[in-house]
Amino acid sequence: MRAAQVYLFVVAVVLSSCSPSYDCRTKAVQDRLIAVLRDNFYDVLRKSDAPGLRGLAAMAGVAGLVAGMAEMADQQNAEGKFDRSILDQLRAFPQSARFSLNSLTEEDGEQDRNKRSCRANVHIEATIPDQFADALRQLPFLGVNARGEVAGNIDVQFTVQPDLSGKADFVVRATW
């Protein structure tokens, strides 16, 4: 009888270690967080008040305006005379940004639902496309350096929990 109880205890411990863990510090969670930030790049910049990101926020506004005008010109211009290099650089801008985590902390979450609440301080660096860097460098309060680069930090709160839809192991939801 005693051996059966010990056996059940060992099986329970082994099975509990097999349950998925959604730790904020794992590489997969960090990669997914950065993917969320990259996918929402212009929104992240718009909501940021970090002084070093002002140049990026200004760039985001200009990018939206130019991209909208370029799309309209592309639709109206059947001959294809529009210079697509500007539009291509604006589309590549969020993909060329570099993200790194300065700090990462896990806060008390809903442990019973495998949901973890986390907070991260993320450092963002990006190089502004050449067509806009010269103009933005003339405005020193935007924080654009001589090479057309801007950098800054932003605080991000995010949660990690199992994906109930079954499409992935876990879901990362971020707010900034």
Protein backbone atom coordinates (compact mmCIF):
# COMPACT_ATOMS: atom_id res chain seq x y z
CA MET A 1 0.00 0.00 0.00
CA ARG A 2 2.80 2.37 0.93
CA ALA A 3 4.64 1.58 -2.30
CA ALA A 4 1.52 2.41 -4.34
CA GLN A 5 1.26 5.84 -2.67
CA VAL A 6 4.93 6.56 -3.36
CA TYR A 7 4.46 5.42 -6.95
CA LEU A 8 1.45 7.75 -7.41
CA PHE A 9 3.40 10.62 -5.88
CA VAL A 10 6.32 10.05 -8.29
CA VAL A 11 3.94 9.87 -11.27
CA ALA A 12 2.24 13.12 -10.17
CA VAL A 13 5.59 14.88 -9.87
CA VAL A 14 6.71 13.67 -13.31
CA LEU A 15 3.43 14.70 -14.92
CA SER A 16 3.50 18.12 -13.28
CA SER A 17 6.97 18.74 -14.67
CA CYS A 18 5.64 17.89 -18.14
CA SER A 19 2.98 20.59 -18.01
CA PRO A 20 3.82 23.57 -20.17
CA SER A 21 5.56 26.48 -18.51
CA TYR A 22 5.09 30.01 -19.76
CA ASP A 23 8.03 31.78 -18.19
CA CYS A 24 8.66 35.38 -19.28
CA ARG A 25 12.40 34.80 -19.38
CA THR A 26 12.45 32.06 -22.02
CA LYS A 27 13.94 32.83 -25.42
CA ALA A 28 10.74 31.84 -27.24
CA VAL A 29 8.67 34.31 -25.21
CA GLN A 30 11.21 37.09 -25.76
CA ASP A 31 11.28 36.39 -29.51
CA ARG A 32 7.49 36.51 -29.68
CA LEU A 33 7.44 39.79 -27.70
CA ILE A 34 9.89 41.38 -30.13
CA ALA A 35 7.81 40.09 -33.05
CA VAL A 36 4.73 41.77 -31.54
CA LEU A 37 6.65 45.03 -31.12
CA ARG A 38 7.99 44.86 -34.69
CA ASP A 39 4.51 44.12 -36.10
CA ASN A 40 3.14 47.17 -34.27
CA PHE A 41 6.25 49.30 -34.76
CA TYR A 42 4.62 52.61 -35.67
CA ASP A 43 1.98 52.23 -32.96
CA VAL A 44 4.69 51.55 -30.36
CA LEU A 45 6.51 54.71 -31.42
CA ARG A 46 3.36 56.80 -31.46
CA LYS A 47 2.51 55.88 -27.88
CA SER A 48 6.05 56.29 -26.59
CA ASP A 49 7.17 59.45 -24.83
CA ALA A 50 10.85 58.52 -24.68
CA PRO A 51 12.91 61.55 -25.79
CA GLY A 52 15.27 59.42 -27.89
CA LEU A 53 12.36 58.06 -29.90
CA ARG A 54 10.99 61.42 -31.00
CA GLY A 55 12.88 61.13 -34.28
CA LEU A 56 11.34 57.73 -34.84
CA ALA A 57 7.87 59.02 -34.00
CA ALA A 58 8.32 61.88 -36.46
CA MET A 59 9.55 59.37 -39.00
CA ALA A 60 6.46 57.24 -38.39
CA GLY A 61 4.20 60.19 -39.21
CA VAL A 62 6.16 61.02 -42.35
CA ALA A 63 6.23 57.34 -43.34
CA GLY A 64 2.47 57.05 -43.06
CA LEU A 65 1.92 60.18 -45.12
CA VAL A 66 4.41 59.25 -47.83
CA ALA A 67 3.24 55.63 -47.98
CA GLY A 68 -0.36 56.76 -48.40
CA MET A 69 0.59 59.24 -51.11
CA ALA A 70 2.78 56.65 -52.83
CA GLU A 71 -0.04 54.10 -52.89
CA MET A 72 -2.40 56.68 -54.39
CA ALA A 73 0.21 57.72 -56.96
CA ASP A 74 0.88 54.08 -57.77
CA GLN A 75 -2.79 53.46 -58.45
CA GLN A 76 -3.16 56.58 -60.61
CA ASN A 77 0.15 56.22 -62.43
CA ALA A 78 -0.27 53.46 -64.98
CA GLU A 79 3.14 54.12 -66.51
CA GLY A 80 4.98 53.27 -63.27
CA LYS A 81 7.15 56.42 -63.12
CA PHE A 82 6.94 56.69 -59.31
CA ASP A 83 10.26 56.11 -57.53
CA ARG A 84 9.52 52.95 -55.52
CA SER A 85 12.81 53.07 -53.58
CA ILE A 86 11.31 55.50 -51.03
CA LEU A 87 8.31 53.27 -50.47
CA ASP A 88 10.52 50.18 -50.23
CA GLN A 89 12.71 51.85 -47.59
CA LEU A 90 9.66 52.86 -45.56
CA ARG A 91 8.33 49.33 -45.62
CA ALA A 92 11.72 47.93 -44.58
CA PHE A 93 12.15 50.50 -41.79
CA PRO A 94 10.41 48.47 -39.03
CA GLN A 95 12.23 45.31 -40.13
CA SER A 96 15.63 46.98 -39.79
CA ALA A 97 14.97 48.19 -36.23
CA ARG A 98 16.99 46.48 -33.53
CA PHE A 99 15.35 45.52 -30.23
CA SER A 100 17.11 44.42 -27.05
CA LEU A 101 15.83 43.81 -23.54
CA ASN A 102 17.41 45.96 -20.83
CA SER A 103 15.45 44.36 -18.02
CA LEU A 104 12.75 41.76 -17.65
CA THR A 105 10.69 41.06 -14.55
CA GLU A 106 7.86 38.68 -13.87
CA GLU A 107 5.06 40.08 -11.77
CA ASP A 108 2.47 38.20 -9.76
CA GLY A 109 -0.03 36.74 -12.18
CA GLU A 110 -2.91 34.35 -12.25
CA GLN A 111 -0.87 31.26 -11.46
CA ASP A 112 -3.91 28.99 -11.51
CA ARG A 113 -4.52 29.72 -15.20
CA ASN A 114 -0.86 29.50 -16.27
CA LYS A 115 -0.95 33.21 -17.05
CA ARG A 116 2.17 35.23 -16.33
CA SER A 117 2.29 39.02 -16.15
CA CYS A 118 5.63 40.54 -17.08
CA ARG A 119 7.29 43.90 -17.56
CA ALA A 120 10.21 44.67 -19.84
CA ASN A 121 12.33 47.68 -20.61
CA VAL A 122 13.10 47.44 -24.32
CA HIS A 123 15.85 49.36 -26.11
CA ILE A 124 15.01 50.28 -29.71
CA GLU A 125 17.54 51.40 -32.30
CA ALA A 126 16.74 52.19 -35.92
CA THR A 127 18.35 53.81 -38.93
CA ILE A 128 16.11 56.27 -40.72
CA PRO A 129 15.92 55.90 -44.51
CA ASP A 130 18.36 58.17 -46.34
CA GLN A 131 15.69 60.31 -48.01
CA PHE A 132 14.41 61.48 -44.60
CA ALA A 133 17.53 61.36 -42.42
CA ASP A 134 18.99 64.59 -43.84
CA ALA A 135 15.85 66.57 -43.14
CA LEU A 136 15.38 65.11 -39.64
CA ARG A 137 19.04 65.73 -38.69
CA GLN A 138 18.40 69.45 -39.11
CA LEU A 139 16.00 69.30 -36.15
CA PRO A 140 18.25 68.59 -33.14
CA PHE A 141 15.36 67.97 -30.73
CA LEU A 142 14.43 64.80 -32.63
CA GLY A 143 17.54 62.93 -31.47
CA VAL A 144 18.77 61.83 -34.92
CA ASN A 145 22.57 61.38 -34.92
CA ALA A 146 24.98 62.03 -37.82
CA ARG A 147 24.50 58.54 -39.25
CA GLY A 148 20.70 58.88 -39.27
CA GLU A 149 20.21 56.63 -36.26
CA VAL A 150 17.86 57.09 -33.34
CA ALA A 151 17.57 55.11 -30.14
CA GLY A 152 15.52 55.01 -26.99
CA ASN A 153 13.91 52.85 -24.35
CA ILE A 154 10.27 51.97 -23.83
CA ASP A 155 8.50 50.13 -21.03
CA VAL A 156 6.30 47.25 -22.12
CA GLN A 157 3.86 45.25 -20.04
CA PHE A 158 2.92 41.86 -21.42
CA THR A 159 1.22 38.64 -20.50
CA VAL A 160 2.10 35.10 -21.48
CA GLN A 161 -0.54 32.38 -21.41
CA PRO A 162 -1.50 29.18 -23.18
CA ASP A 163 -3.03 29.56 -26.63
CA LEU A 164 -6.56 28.27 -26.24
CA SER A 165 -7.12 28.27 -30.01
CA GLY A 166 -4.50 25.56 -30.46
CA LYS A 167 -2.57 27.44 -33.17
CA ALA A 168 0.51 27.84 -30.97
CA ASP A 169 1.80 26.78 -27.56
CA PHE A 170 1.41 30.21 -25.99
CA VAL A 171 0.27 33.76 -26.70
CA VAL A 172 2.02 37.02 -25.84
CA ARG A 173 -0.14 40.11 -25.42
CA ALA A 174 1.70 43.41 -24.97
CA THR A 175 0.73 46.95 -23.99
CA TRP A 176 3.02 49.94 -24.07
